[in-house]
N, C-alpha and C. Protein backbone atom coordinates (compact mmCIF):
# COMPACT_ATOMS: atom_id res chain seq x y z
N MET A 1 0.86 -0.85 0.26
CA MET A 1 0.00 0.23 -0.10
C MET A 1 1.03 1.38 0.00
N MET A 2 0.49 2.15 -0.81
CA MET A 2 1.32 3.69 -0.83
C MET A 2 0.83 4.33 0.19
N ARG A 3 1.88 5.16 0.77
CA ARG A 3 1.53 6.11 1.54
C ARG A 3 0.52 7.18 1.31
N LYS A 4 0.79 7.63 -0.10
CA LYS A 4 -0.51 8.44 -0.67
C LYS A 4 -2.04 7.66 -0.49
N ASP A 5 -1.84 6.36 -0.58
CA ASP A 5 -3.15 5.91 -0.04
C ASP A 5 -3.76 6.26 0.96
N ASN A 6 -3.28 6.37 2.14
CA ASN A 6 -3.56 6.78 3.51
C ASN A 6 -3.65 8.34 3.54
N ILE A 7 -3.87 9.08 2.59
CA ILE A 7 -4.00 10.65 2.81
C ILE A 7 -5.55 10.84 2.18
N PRO A 8 -6.13 11.67 3.18
CA PRO A 8 -7.35 11.97 2.72
C PRO A 8 -7.61 13.03 1.43
N PHE A 9 -6.53 13.94 1.59
CA PHE A 9 -6.38 14.83 0.16
C PHE A 9 -4.73 15.40 0.44
N GLU A 10 -4.36 15.58 -0.72
CA GLU A 10 -3.05 16.79 -0.85
C GLU A 10 -3.60 17.83 -0.59
N LEU A 11 -2.06 18.42 0.27
CA LEU A 11 -2.50 19.77 0.60
C LEU A 11 -2.14 20.75 -0.10
N GLU A 12 -1.62 20.81 -1.53
CA GLU A 12 -1.54 21.37 -2.78
C GLU A 12 -2.81 21.34 -3.37
N THR A 13 -3.30 20.33 -3.70
CA THR A 13 -4.47 20.15 -4.55
C THR A 13 -5.49 21.10 -3.58
N ARG A 14 -5.83 21.05 -2.42
CA ARG A 14 -6.80 21.64 -1.61
C ARG A 14 -6.41 22.75 -1.65
N LEU A 15 -5.22 23.37 -1.53
CA LEU A 15 -5.01 24.97 -1.33
C LEU A 15 -5.29 25.61 -2.82
N VAL A 16 -4.96 25.17 -3.87
CA VAL A 16 -5.40 25.68 -5.02
C VAL A 16 -6.85 25.39 -5.25
N ASP A 17 -7.28 24.35 -5.31
CA ASP A 17 -8.99 24.66 -5.21
C ASP A 17 -9.45 25.60 -4.60
N ASN A 18 -9.04 25.91 -3.83
CA ASN A 18 -9.65 27.26 -2.55
C ASN A 18 -8.70 28.55 -3.12
N GLY A 19 -8.22 28.53 -4.17
CA GLY A 19 -7.82 30.01 -4.72
C GLY A 19 -6.42 30.19 -4.08
N ALA A 20 -5.49 29.45 -3.70
CA ALA A 20 -3.88 29.87 -3.24
C ALA A 20 -3.06 29.72 -4.29
N ASP A 21 -2.39 30.44 -4.36
CA ASP A 21 -1.16 30.67 -5.54
C ASP A 21 -0.25 29.64 -4.88
N PHE A 22 0.29 28.54 -5.31
CA PHE A 22 1.19 27.51 -4.85
C PHE A 22 2.37 27.08 -5.84
N THR A 23 3.35 27.27 -5.09
CA THR A 23 4.72 27.31 -5.94
C THR A 23 5.62 26.20 -5.09
N HIS A 24 6.27 25.66 -5.70
CA HIS A 24 7.28 25.17 -5.31
C HIS A 24 8.81 24.94 -5.86
N ALA A 25 9.61 24.54 -5.06
CA ALA A 25 11.31 24.24 -5.78
C ALA A 25 11.03 23.80 -7.19
N VAL A 26 11.85 23.89 -7.93
CA VAL A 26 11.90 23.59 -9.64
C VAL A 26 12.52 22.00 -9.24
N VAL A 27 13.51 21.86 -8.68
CA VAL A 27 14.16 20.28 -7.97
C VAL A 27 13.61 20.09 -6.71
N PRO A 28 13.29 18.89 -6.81
CA PRO A 28 12.67 18.45 -5.25
C PRO A 28 13.85 18.73 -4.17
N PHE A 29 13.35 18.80 -2.72
CA PHE A 29 14.30 19.13 -1.87
C PHE A 29 15.43 20.08 -1.67
N MET A 30 15.15 21.13 -2.55
CA MET A 30 15.75 22.53 -2.74
C MET A 30 15.21 23.42 -1.70
N ALA A 31 15.90 24.32 -1.48
CA ALA A 31 15.27 25.45 -0.91
C ALA A 31 14.47 26.42 -1.74
N HIS A 32 13.05 26.64 -0.99
CA HIS A 32 12.19 27.77 -1.78
C HIS A 32 11.21 28.42 -0.92
N VAL A 33 11.54 29.46 -0.82
CA VAL A 33 11.33 30.63 -0.01
C VAL A 33 10.10 31.53 -0.62
N VAL A 34 9.05 31.84 -0.14
CA VAL A 34 7.81 32.52 -0.74
C VAL A 34 7.76 33.99 0.43
N LEU A 35 7.83 34.97 -0.10
CA LEU A 35 7.63 36.34 0.74
C LEU A 35 6.20 36.78 -0.02
N ASP A 36 5.10 36.85 0.93
CA ASP A 36 3.70 37.73 0.44
C ASP A 36 3.44 38.39 1.20
N GLU A 37 3.74 39.95 1.07
CA GLU A 37 3.20 40.90 2.30
C GLU A 37 4.31 40.64 3.38
N ASN A 38 3.70 40.16 4.43
CA ASN A 38 4.52 39.99 5.54
C ASN A 38 4.67 38.61 6.00
N LEU A 39 4.25 37.98 5.06
CA LEU A 39 4.26 36.10 5.50
C LEU A 39 5.35 35.60 4.86
N ILE A 40 5.91 35.05 5.25
CA ILE A 40 7.29 34.16 4.65
C ILE A 40 7.19 32.61 4.91
N THR A 41 7.10 32.03 3.95
CA THR A 41 7.28 30.55 4.03
C THR A 41 8.15 29.95 3.36
N GLY A 42 8.64 28.60 4.02
CA GLY A 42 9.71 27.82 3.37
C GLY A 42 9.20 26.37 2.96
N GLN A 43 9.63 25.92 2.12
CA GLN A 43 8.98 24.81 1.42
C GLN A 43 9.44 23.53 2.58
N ASN A 44 10.98 23.50 2.97
CA ASN A 44 11.59 22.54 3.78
C ASN A 44 12.51 22.94 5.02
N PRO A 45 13.25 21.92 5.39
CA PRO A 45 14.25 22.32 6.18
C PRO A 45 15.41 22.95 5.52
N LEU A 46 15.49 23.00 4.28
CA LEU A 46 16.64 23.39 3.59
C LEU A 46 16.39 24.83 3.44
N SER A 47 15.13 25.23 3.53
CA SER A 47 14.75 26.78 3.40
C SER A 47 14.88 27.43 4.86
N ALA A 48 15.13 26.84 5.61
CA ALA A 48 15.25 27.82 7.02
C ALA A 48 16.04 28.83 7.12
N ALA A 49 17.48 28.78 6.18
CA ALA A 49 18.31 30.01 6.42
C ALA A 49 17.81 30.93 5.01
N PRO A 50 17.46 30.58 4.26
CA PRO A 50 17.10 31.57 3.37
C PRO A 50 15.63 32.16 3.62
N ALA A 51 15.03 31.53 4.42
CA ALA A 51 13.54 32.23 4.89
C ALA A 51 14.00 33.41 6.38
N ALA A 52 15.37 32.59 6.87
CA ALA A 52 15.78 33.78 7.69
C ALA A 52 16.34 34.88 7.15
N ARG A 53 17.27 34.60 6.41
CA ARG A 53 17.76 36.21 5.55
C ARG A 53 16.61 36.66 5.10
N THR A 54 15.42 36.36 4.57
CA THR A 54 14.25 36.72 4.08
C THR A 54 13.68 37.83 5.16
N LEU A 55 13.65 37.45 6.28
CA LEU A 55 13.01 37.52 7.83
C LEU A 55 13.88 39.11 8.16
N ILE A 56 15.16 38.86 8.03
CA ILE A 56 16.02 39.98 8.55
C ILE A 56 15.87 40.94 7.31
N GLU A 57 16.04 40.85 6.13
CA GLU A 57 15.90 41.92 4.93
C GLU A 57 14.59 42.38 5.36
N LEU A 58 13.68 41.89 5.64
CA LEU A 58 12.42 42.46 5.57
C LEU A 58 12.31 43.32 6.84
N ILE A 59 12.82 43.25 7.82
CA ILE A 59 13.15 43.90 9.14
C ILE A 59 13.65 44.83 9.08
N ARG A 60 14.67 44.74 8.33
CA ARG A 60 15.79 45.91 7.92
C ARG A 60 15.21 46.94 6.92
N SER A 61 14.52 46.75 6.08
CA SER A 61 13.82 47.44 4.72
C SER A 61 12.42 46.97 4.66
N PRO A 62 11.35 47.39 5.56
CA PRO A 62 10.15 46.84 5.29
C PRO A 62 9.42 47.38 3.80
N ASN A 63 9.72 48.49 3.30
CA ASN A 63 9.37 48.71 2.10
C ASN A 63 9.72 48.43 0.83
N ARG A 64 10.97 47.63 1.21
CA ARG A 64 11.53 47.18 0.10
C ARG A 64 10.71 46.07 -1.11
N PHE A 65 10.05 45.33 -0.34
CA PHE A 65 9.14 44.39 -0.81
C PHE A 65 7.84 44.70 -0.99
N ASN A 66 7.39 46.00 -0.91
CA ASN A 66 5.89 46.09 -1.21
C ASN A 66 5.93 46.71 -2.77
């Protein structure tokens, strides 16, 4: 039995169905960070450092990302 068969829905599909703009890294397991106004998201553990750098940049220059 595949692990996917045990999941009632895929989060990506549900988000897109409800109007989300979903993006992901081009290469699996690579860092991917998205900044949307004041929300910073990272795709996986490799995104922690880039997400932290984005947060620091946002704090230093809040108008830069508007």
